[in-house]
């Protein structure tokens, strides 16, 4: 499993609200049917099934919100849970 970590450190509260609204929209309208994310402080962790999908999701948010930066990582935890 791959994860995309979005950094929300450098954005104001209004932009943060728009990012979270966009995440909810993506969760509802995602073509893959699987869009799981968790908000952890100043970060959002989005689960992806492939490296390409993880980078595309991060790039989407960075293009839409230039102050939101992202990093993609491969995760290997027991049970496949994001950690």
PDB file of N, CA and C in Angstrom:
ATOM      1  N   UNK A   1       0.838  -1.174   0.000  1.00  0.00           N
ATOM      2  CA  UNK A   1       0.000   0.000   0.000  1.00  0.00           C
ATOM      3  C   UNK A   1       0.888   1.245   0.000  1.00  0.00           C
ATOM      4  N   UNK A   2       0.437   2.249  -0.672  1.00  0.00           N
ATOM      5  CA  UNK A   2       1.125   3.543  -0.720  1.00  0.00           C
ATOM      6  C   UNK A   2       0.269   4.584  -0.019  1.00  0.00           C
ATOM      7  N   UNK A   3       0.931   5.578   0.562  1.00  0.00           N
ATOM      8  CA  UNK A   3       0.204   6.685   1.179  1.00  0.00           C
ATOM      9  C   UNK A   3       0.742   8.004   0.649  1.00  0.00           C
ATOM     10  N   UNK A   4      -0.142   8.962   0.568  1.00  0.00           N
ATOM     11  CA  UNK A   4       0.212  10.336   0.234  1.00  0.00           C
ATOM     12  C   UNK A   4       0.018  11.149   1.498  1.00  0.00           C
ATOM     13  N   UNK A   5       1.058  11.854   1.913  1.00  0.00           N
ATOM     14  CA  UNK A   5       0.956  12.718   3.090  1.00  0.00           C
ATOM     15  C   UNK A   5       0.908  14.165   2.620  1.00  0.00           C
ATOM     16  N   UNK A   6      -0.202  14.823   2.893  1.00  0.00           N
ATOM     17  CA  UNK A   6      -0.364  16.237   2.564  1.00  0.00           C
ATOM     18  C   UNK A   6      -0.001  17.061   3.782  1.00  0.00           C
ATOM     19  N   UNK A   7       0.838  18.059   3.598  1.00  0.00           N
ATOM     20  CA  UNK A   7       1.223  18.946   4.686  1.00  0.00           C
ATOM     21  C   UNK A   7       0.340  20.180   4.673  1.00  0.00           C
ATOM     22  N   UNK A   8      -0.335  20.429   5.784  1.00  0.00           N
ATOM     23  CA  UNK A   8      -1.227  21.590   5.914  1.00  0.00           C
ATOM     24  C   UNK A   8      -0.619  22.667   6.803  1.00  0.00           C
ATOM     25  N   UNK A   9       0.689  22.617   7.005  1.00  0.00           N
ATOM     26  CA  UNK A   9       1.353  23.542   7.926  1.00  0.00           C
ATOM     27  C   UNK A   9       1.323  24.989   7.467  1.00  0.00           C
ATOM     28  N   UNK A  10       1.455  25.240   6.179  1.00  0.00           N
ATOM     29  CA  UNK A  10       1.638  26.607   5.675  1.00  0.00           C
ATOM     30  C   UNK A  10       0.366  27.242   5.123  1.00  0.00           C
ATOM     31  N   UNK A  11      -0.785  26.740   5.506  1.00  0.00           N
ATOM     32  CA  UNK A  11      -2.022  27.297   4.963  1.00  0.00           C
ATOM     33  C   UNK A  11      -2.869  27.907   6.067  1.00  0.00           C
ATOM     34  N   UNK A  12      -3.722  28.844   5.659  1.00  0.00           N
ATOM     35  CA  UNK A  12      -4.608  29.483   6.635  1.00  0.00           C
ATOM     36  C   UNK A  12      -5.844  28.610   6.862  1.00  0.00           C
ATOM     37  N   UNK A  13      -6.674  29.024   7.794  1.00  0.00           N
ATOM     38  CA  UNK A  13      -7.830  28.209   8.201  1.00  0.00           C
ATOM     39  C   UNK A  13      -8.855  28.063   7.079  1.00  0.00           C
ATOM     40  N   UNK A  14      -9.061  29.115   6.272  1.00  0.00           N
ATOM     41  CA  UNK A  14     -10.024  29.042   5.174  1.00  0.00           C
ATOM     42  C   UNK A  14      -9.573  28.033   4.115  1.00  0.00           C
ATOM     43  N   UNK A  15      -8.285  28.038   3.808  1.00  0.00           N
ATOM     44  CA  UNK A  15      -7.755  27.082   2.830  1.00  0.00           C
ATOM     45  C   UNK A  15      -7.820  25.668   3.386  1.00  0.00           C
ATOM     46  N   UNK A  16      -7.538  25.525   4.669  1.00  0.00           N
ATOM     47  CA  UNK A  16      -7.623  24.201   5.305  1.00  0.00           C
ATOM     48  C   UNK A  16      -9.041  23.649   5.184  1.00  0.00           C
ATOM     49  N   UNK A  17     -10.028  24.503   5.390  1.00  0.00           N
ATOM     50  CA  UNK A  17     -11.420  24.081   5.277  1.00  0.00           C
ATOM     51  C   UNK A  17     -11.731  23.627   3.847  1.00  0.00           C
ATOM     52  N   UNK A  18     -11.214  24.365   2.852  1.00  0.00           N
ATOM     53  CA  UNK A  18     -11.432  23.993   1.452  1.00  0.00           C
ATOM     54  C   UNK A  18     -10.751  22.668   1.114  1.00  0.00           C
ATOM     55  N   UNK A  19      -9.568  22.440   1.663  1.00  0.00           N
ATOM     56  CA  UNK A  19      -8.865  21.170   1.436  1.00  0.00           C
ATOM     57  C   UNK A  19      -9.691  20.012   2.002  1.00  0.00           C
ATOM     58  N   UNK A  20     -10.204  20.171   3.201  1.00  0.00           N
ATOM     59  CA  UNK A  20     -11.000  19.111   3.819  1.00  0.00           C
ATOM     60  C   UNK A  20     -12.309  18.872   3.062  1.00  0.00           C
ATOM     61  N   UNK A  21     -12.910  19.943   2.540  1.00  0.00           N
ATOM     62  CA  UNK A  21     -14.117  19.791   1.718  1.00  0.00           C
ATOM     63  C   UNK A  21     -13.800  19.040   0.428  1.00  0.00           C
ATOM     64  N   UNK A  22     -12.644  19.332  -0.163  1.00  0.00           N
ATOM     65  CA  UNK A  22     -12.225  18.648  -1.386  1.00  0.00           C
ATOM     66  C   UNK A  22     -11.960  17.172  -1.113  1.00  0.00           C
ATOM     67  N   UNK A  23     -11.382  16.863   0.048  1.00  0.00           N
ATOM     68  CA  UNK A  23     -11.166  15.464   0.421  1.00  0.00           C
ATOM     69  C   UNK A  23     -12.491  14.715   0.526  1.00  0.00           C
ATOM     70  N   UNK A  24     -13.488  15.347   1.126  1.00  0.00           N
ATOM     71  CA  UNK A  24     -14.802  14.709   1.250  1.00  0.00           C
ATOM     72  C   UNK A  24     -15.426  14.507  -0.127  1.00  0.00           C
ATOM     73  N   UNK A  25     -15.267  15.491  -1.021  1.00  0.00           N
ATOM     74  CA  UNK A  25     -15.776  15.374  -2.381  1.00  0.00           C
ATOM     75  C   UNK A  25     -15.108  14.198  -3.100  1.00  0.00           C
ATOM     76  N   UNK A  26     -13.782  14.097  -2.958  1.00  0.00           N
ATOM     77  CA  UNK A  26     -13.038  13.003  -3.595  1.00  0.00           C
ATOM     78  C   UNK A  26     -13.473  11.649  -3.039  1.00  0.00           C
ATOM     79  N   UNK A  27     -13.736  11.605  -1.755  1.00  0.00           N
ATOM     80  CA  UNK A  27     -14.176  10.355  -1.129  1.00  0.00           C
ATOM     81  C   UNK A  27     -15.494   9.880  -1.740  1.00  0.00           C
ATOM     82  N   UNK A  28     -16.380  10.805  -2.032  1.00  0.00           N
ATOM     83  CA  UNK A  28     -17.695  10.468  -2.583  1.00  0.00           C
ATOM     84  C   UNK A  28     -17.604  10.123  -4.069  1.00  0.00           C
ATOM     85  N   UNK A  29     -16.786  10.865  -4.833  1.00  0.00           N
ATOM     86  CA  UNK A  29     -16.771  10.744  -6.290  1.00  0.00           C
ATOM     87  C   UNK A  29     -15.583   9.995  -6.877  1.00  0.00           C
ATOM     88  N   UNK A  30     -14.759   9.369  -6.071  1.00  0.00           N
ATOM     89  CA  UNK A  30     -13.579   8.670  -6.574  1.00  0.00           C
ATOM     90  C   UNK A  30     -13.979   7.484  -7.453  1.00  0.00           C
ATOM     91  N   UNK A  31     -13.374   7.388  -8.652  1.00  0.00           N
ATOM     92  CA  UNK A  31     -13.714   6.323  -9.591  1.00  0.00           C
ATOM     93  C   UNK A  31     -13.299   4.937  -9.115  1.00  0.00           C
ATOM     94  N   UNK A  32     -12.255   4.860  -8.315  1.00  0.00           N
ATOM     95  CA  UNK A  32     -11.783   3.558  -7.839  1.00  0.00           C
ATOM     96  C   UNK A  32     -12.702   2.980  -6.778  1.00  0.00           C
ATOM     97  N   UNK A  33     -13.530   3.821  -6.186  1.00  0.00           N
ATOM     98  CA  UNK A  33     -14.432   3.364  -5.140  1.00  0.00           C
ATOM     99  C   UNK A  33     -13.768   3.271  -3.773  1.00  0.00           C
ATOM    100  N   UNK A  34     -12.458   3.510  -3.721  1.00  0.00           N
ATOM    101  CA  UNK A  34     -11.722   3.431  -2.461  1.00  0.00           C
ATOM    102  C   UNK A  34     -10.895   4.705  -2.297  1.00  0.00           C
ATOM    103  N   UNK A  35     -11.327   5.579  -1.428  1.00  0.00           N
ATOM    104  CA  UNK A  35     -10.588   6.805  -1.125  1.00  0.00           C
ATOM    105  C   UNK A  35     -10.636   6.976   0.385  1.00  0.00           C
ATOM    106  N   UNK A  36      -9.615   6.458   1.056  1.00  0.00           N
ATOM    107  CA  UNK A  36      -9.545   6.538   2.513  1.00  0.00           C
ATOM    108  C   UNK A  36      -8.506   7.567   2.918  1.00  0.00           C
ATOM    109  N   UNK A  37      -8.868   8.404   3.867  1.00  0.00           N
ATOM    110  CA  UNK A  37      -7.916   9.395   4.366  1.00  0.00           C
ATOM    111  C   UNK A  37      -8.128   9.599   5.859  1.00  0.00           C
ATOM    112  N   UNK A  38      -7.078  10.067   6.514  1.00  0.00           N
ATOM    113  CA  UNK A  38      -7.131  10.382   7.942  1.00  0.00           C
ATOM    114  C   UNK A  38      -6.450  11.723   8.160  1.00  0.00           C
ATOM    115  N   UNK A  39      -7.054  12.570   8.975  1.00  0.00           N
ATOM    116  CA  UNK A  39      -6.469  13.862   9.327  1.00  0.00           C
ATOM    117  C   UNK A  39      -5.725  13.669  10.641  1.00  0.00           C
ATOM    118  N   UNK A  40      -4.438  14.012  10.620  1.00  0.00           N
ATOM    119  CA  UNK A  40      -3.593  13.879  11.817  1.00  0.00           C
ATOM    120  C   UNK A  40      -2.854  15.186  12.046  1.00  0.00           C
ATOM    121  N   UNK A  41      -3.444  16.055  12.845  1.00  0.00           N
ATOM    122  CA  UNK A  41      -2.824  17.348  13.130  1.00  0.00           C
ATOM    123  C   UNK A  41      -2.704  18.191  11.872  1.00  0.00           C
ATOM    124  N   UNK A  42      -1.470  18.516  11.494  1.00  0.00           N
ATOM    125  CA  UNK A  42      -1.212  19.326  10.298  1.00  0.00           C
ATOM    126  C   UNK A  42      -0.968  18.483   9.058  1.00  0.00           C
ATOM    127  N   UNK A  43      -1.320  17.214   9.112  1.00  0.00           N
ATOM    128  CA  UNK A  43      -1.119  16.329   7.976  1.00  0.00           C
ATOM    129  C   UNK A  43      -2.401  15.587   7.650  1.00  0.00           C
ATOM    130  N   UNK A  44      -2.544  15.238   6.367  1.00  0.00           N
ATOM    131  CA  UNK A  44      -3.610  14.355   5.915  1.00  0.00           C
ATOM    132  C   UNK A  44      -2.923  13.170   5.257  1.00  0.00           C
ATOM    133  N   UNK A  45      -3.314  11.963   5.644  1.00  0.00           N
ATOM    134  CA  UNK A  45      -2.745  10.748   5.070  1.00  0.00           C
ATOM    135  C   UNK A  45      -3.813  10.097   4.203  1.00  0.00           C
ATOM    136  N   UNK A  46      -3.514   9.961   2.900  1.00  0.00           N
ATOM    137  CA  UNK A  46      -4.438   9.353   1.945  1.00  0.00           C
ATOM    138  C   UNK A  46      -3.875   7.995   1.534  1.00  0.00           C
ATOM    139  N   UNK A  47      -4.664   6.940   1.654  1.00  0.00           N
ATOM    140  CA  UNK A  47      -4.243   5.604   1.251  1.00  0.00           C
ATOM    141  C   UNK A  47      -4.445   5.431  -0.249  1.00  0.00           C
ATOM    142  N   UNK A  48      -3.494   4.753  -0.901  1.00  0.00           N
ATOM    143  CA  UNK A  48      -3.585   4.468  -2.333  1.00  0.00           C
ATOM    144  C   UNK A  48      -3.122   3.044  -2.592  1.00  0.00           C
ATOM    145  N   UNK A  49      -3.613   2.462  -3.670  1.00  0.00           N
ATOM    146  CA  UNK A  49      -3.255   1.083  -3.986  1.00  0.00           C
ATOM    147  C   UNK A  49      -1.961   0.980  -4.789  1.00  0.00           C
ATOM    148  N   UNK A  50      -1.546   2.061  -5.448  1.00  0.00           N
ATOM    149  CA  UNK A  50      -0.321   2.016  -6.251  1.00  0.00           C
ATOM    150  C   UNK A  50       0.469   3.309  -6.094  1.00  0.00           C
ATOM    151  N   UNK A  51       1.714   3.244  -6.499  1.00  0.00           N
ATOM    152  CA  UNK A  51       2.592   4.413  -6.438  1.00  0.00           C
ATOM    153  C   UNK A  51       2.062   5.534  -7.347  1.00  0.00           C
ATOM    154  N   UNK A  52       1.653   5.149  -8.555  1.00  0.00           N
ATOM    155  CA  UNK A  52       1.151   6.130  -9.506  1.00  0.00           C
ATOM    156  C   UNK A  52      -0.076   6.855  -8.963  1.00  0.00           C
ATOM    157  N   UNK A  53      -0.978   6.105  -8.373  1.00  0.00           N
ATOM    158  CA  UNK A  53      -2.189   6.701  -7.805  1.00  0.00           C
ATOM    159  C   UNK A  53      -1.839   7.656  -6.670  1.00  0.00           C
ATOM    160  N   UNK A  54      -0.884   7.267  -5.831  1.00  0.00           N
ATOM    161  CA  UNK A  54      -0.470   8.115  -4.709  1.00  0.00           C
ATOM    162  C   UNK A  54       0.103   9.439  -5.216  1.00  0.00           C
ATOM    163  N   UNK A  55       0.960   9.384  -6.233  1.00  0.00           N
ATOM    164  CA  UNK A  55       1.538  10.615  -6.772  1.00  0.00           C
ATOM    165  C   UNK A  55       0.485  11.478  -7.469  1.00  0.00           C
ATOM    166  N   UNK A  56      -0.439  10.855  -8.196  1.00  0.00           N
ATOM    167  CA  UNK A  56      -1.485  11.636  -8.864  1.00  0.00           C
ATOM    168  C   UNK A  56      -2.375  12.362  -7.859  1.00  0.00           C
ATOM    169  N   UNK A  57      -2.688  11.699  -6.757  1.00  0.00           N
ATOM    170  CA  UNK A  57      -3.526  12.327  -5.736  1.00  0.00           C
ATOM    171  C   UNK A  57      -2.794  13.493  -5.072  1.00  0.00           C
ATOM    172  N   UNK A  58      -1.530  13.307  -4.756  1.00  0.00           N
ATOM    173  CA  UNK A  58      -0.748  14.392  -4.164  1.00  0.00           C
ATOM    174  C   UNK A  58      -0.588  15.561  -5.118  1.00  0.00           C
ATOM    175  N   UNK A  59      -0.322  15.247  -6.382  1.00  0.00           N
ATOM    176  CA  UNK A  59      -0.139  16.297  -7.390  1.00  0.00           C
ATOM    177  C   UNK A  59      -1.428  17.093  -7.596  1.00  0.00           C
ATOM    178  N   UNK A  60      -2.569  16.406  -7.567  1.00  0.00           N
ATOM    179  CA  UNK A  60      -3.859  17.069  -7.689  1.00  0.00           C
ATOM    180  C   UNK A  60      -4.031  18.136  -6.606  1.00  0.00           C
ATOM    181  N   UNK A  61      -3.747  17.753  -5.353  1.00  0.00           N
ATOM    182  CA  UNK A  61      -3.929  18.707  -4.256  1.00  0.00           C
ATOM    183  C   UNK A  61      -2.905  19.840  -4.320  1.00  0.00           C
ATOM    184  N   UNK A  62      -1.683  19.551  -4.756  1.00  0.00           N
ATOM    185  CA  UNK A  62      -0.676  20.604  -4.862  1.00  0.00           C
ATOM    186  C   UNK A  62      -1.029  21.594  -5.978  1.00  0.00           C
ATOM    187  N   UNK A  63      -1.571  21.120  -7.085  1.00  0.00           N
ATOM    188  CA  UNK A  63      -1.982  22.029  -8.169  1.00  0.00           C
ATOM    189  C   UNK A  63      -3.163  22.901  -7.747  1.00  0.00           C
ATOM    190  N   UNK A  64      -4.092  22.313  -7.043  1.00  0.00           N
ATOM    191  CA  UNK A  64      -5.286  23.049  -6.620  1.00  0.00           C
ATOM    192  C   UNK A  64      -4.984  24.007  -5.468  1.00  0.00           C
ATOM    193  N   UNK A  65      -4.106  23.597  -4.577  1.00  0.00           N
ATOM    194  CA  UNK A  65      -3.722  24.403  -3.408  1.00  0.00           C
ATOM    195  C   UNK A  65      -2.191  24.472  -3.371  1.00  0.00           C
ATOM    196  N   UNK A  66      -1.566  25.481  -3.988  1.00  0.00           N
ATOM    197  CA  UNK A  66      -0.096  25.541  -4.124  1.00  0.00           C
ATOM    198  C   UNK A  66       0.687  25.504  -2.808  1.00  0.00           C
ATOM    199  N   UNK A  67       0.084  25.890  -1.698  1.00  0.00           N
ATOM    200  CA  UNK A  67       0.799  25.860  -0.417  1.00  0.00           C
ATOM    201  C   UNK A  67       0.685  24.504   0.290  1.00  0.00           C
ATOM    202  N   UNK A  68      -0.028  23.566  -0.322  1.00  0.00           N
ATOM    203  CA  UNK A  68      -0.129  22.207   0.222  1.00  0.00           C
ATOM    204  C   UNK A  68       0.919  21.352  -0.478  1.00  0.00           C
ATOM    205  N   UNK A  69       1.856  20.843   0.305  1.00  0.00           N
ATOM    206  CA  UNK A  69       2.911  20.001  -0.250  1.00  0.00           C
ATOM    207  C   UNK A  69       2.630  18.554   0.112  1.00  0.00           C
ATOM    208  N   UNK A  70       3.205  17.638  -0.663  1.00  0.00           N
ATOM    209  CA  UNK A  70       2.918  16.226  -0.435  1.00  0.00           C
ATOM    210  C   UNK A  70       4.164  15.367  -0.538  1.00  0.00           C
ATOM    211  N   UNK A  71       4.067  14.184   0.035  1.00  0.00           N
ATOM    212  CA  UNK A  71       5.113  13.184  -0.021  1.00  0.00           C
ATOM    213  C   UNK A  71       4.433  11.830  -0.127  1.00  0.00           C
ATOM    214  N   UNK A  72       4.980  10.940  -0.955  1.00  0.00           N
ATOM    215  CA  UNK A  72       4.411   9.601  -1.115  1.00  0.00           C
ATOM    216  C   UNK A  72       5.380   8.565  -0.568  1.00  0.00           C
ATOM    217  N   UNK A  73       4.826   7.593   0.157  1.00  0.00           N
ATOM    218  CA  UNK A  73       5.645   6.565   0.781  1.00  0.00           C
ATOM    219  C   UNK A  73       4.961   5.209   0.662  1.00  0.00           C
ATOM    220  N   UNK A  74       5.778   4.162   0.602  1.00  0.00           N
ATOM    221  CA  UNK A  74       5.247   2.806   0.649  1.00  0.00           C
ATOM    222  C   UNK A  74       5.163   2.393   2.116  1.00  0.00           C
ATOM    223  N   UNK A  75       4.026   1.808   2.506  1.00  0.00           N
ATOM    224  CA  UNK A  75       3.788   1.451   3.902  1.00  0.00           C
ATOM    225  C   UNK A  75       3.654  -0.062   4.005  1.00  0.00           C
ATOM    226  N   UNK A  76       4.350  -0.618   4.991  1.00  0.00           N
ATOM    227  CA  UNK A  76       4.255  -2.060   5.244  1.00  0.00           C
ATOM    228  C   UNK A  76       4.010  -2.306   6.727  1.00  0.00           C
ATOM    229  N   UNK A  77       2.789  -2.132   7.167  1.00  0.00           N
ATOM    230  CA  UNK A  77       2.417  -2.420   8.559  1.00  0.00           C
ATOM    231  C   UNK A  77       1.581  -3.687   8.602  1.00  0.00           C
ATOM    232  N   UNK A  78       1.568  -4.340   9.728  1.00  0.00           N
ATOM    233  CA  UNK A  78       0.724  -5.517   9.885  1.00  0.00           C
ATOM    234  C   UNK A  78      -0.727  -5.124   9.719  1.00  0.00           C
ATOM    235  N   UNK A  79      -1.460  -5.887   8.946  1.00  0.00           N
ATOM    236  CA  UNK A  79      -2.870  -5.606   8.726  1.00  0.00           C
ATOM    237  C   UNK A  79      -3.093  -4.526   7.687  1.00  0.00           C
ATOM    238  N   UNK A  80      -2.026  -3.970   7.106  1.00  0.00           N
ATOM    239  CA  UNK A  80      -2.170  -2.955   6.083  1.00  0.00           C
ATOM    240  C   UNK A  80      -2.651  -1.616   6.575  1.00  0.00           C
ATOM    241  N   UNK A  81      -2.591  -1.392   7.875  1.00  0.00           N
ATOM    242  CA  UNK A  81      -3.080  -0.130   8.434  1.00  0.00           C
ATOM    243  C   UNK A  81      -2.034   0.963   8.261  1.00  0.00           C
ATOM    244  N   UNK A  82      -2.507   2.165   7.973  1.00  0.00           N
ATOM    245  CA  UNK A  82      -1.608   3.318   7.822  1.00  0.00           C
ATOM    246  C   UNK A  82      -1.014   3.662   9.174  1.00  0.00           C
ATOM    247  N   UNK A  83       0.301   3.861   9.204  1.00  0.00           N
ATOM    248  CA  UNK A  83       0.926   4.144  10.491  1.00  0.00           C
ATOM    249  C   UNK A  83       1.935   5.188  10.496  1.00  0.00           C
TER     250      UNK A  83
END
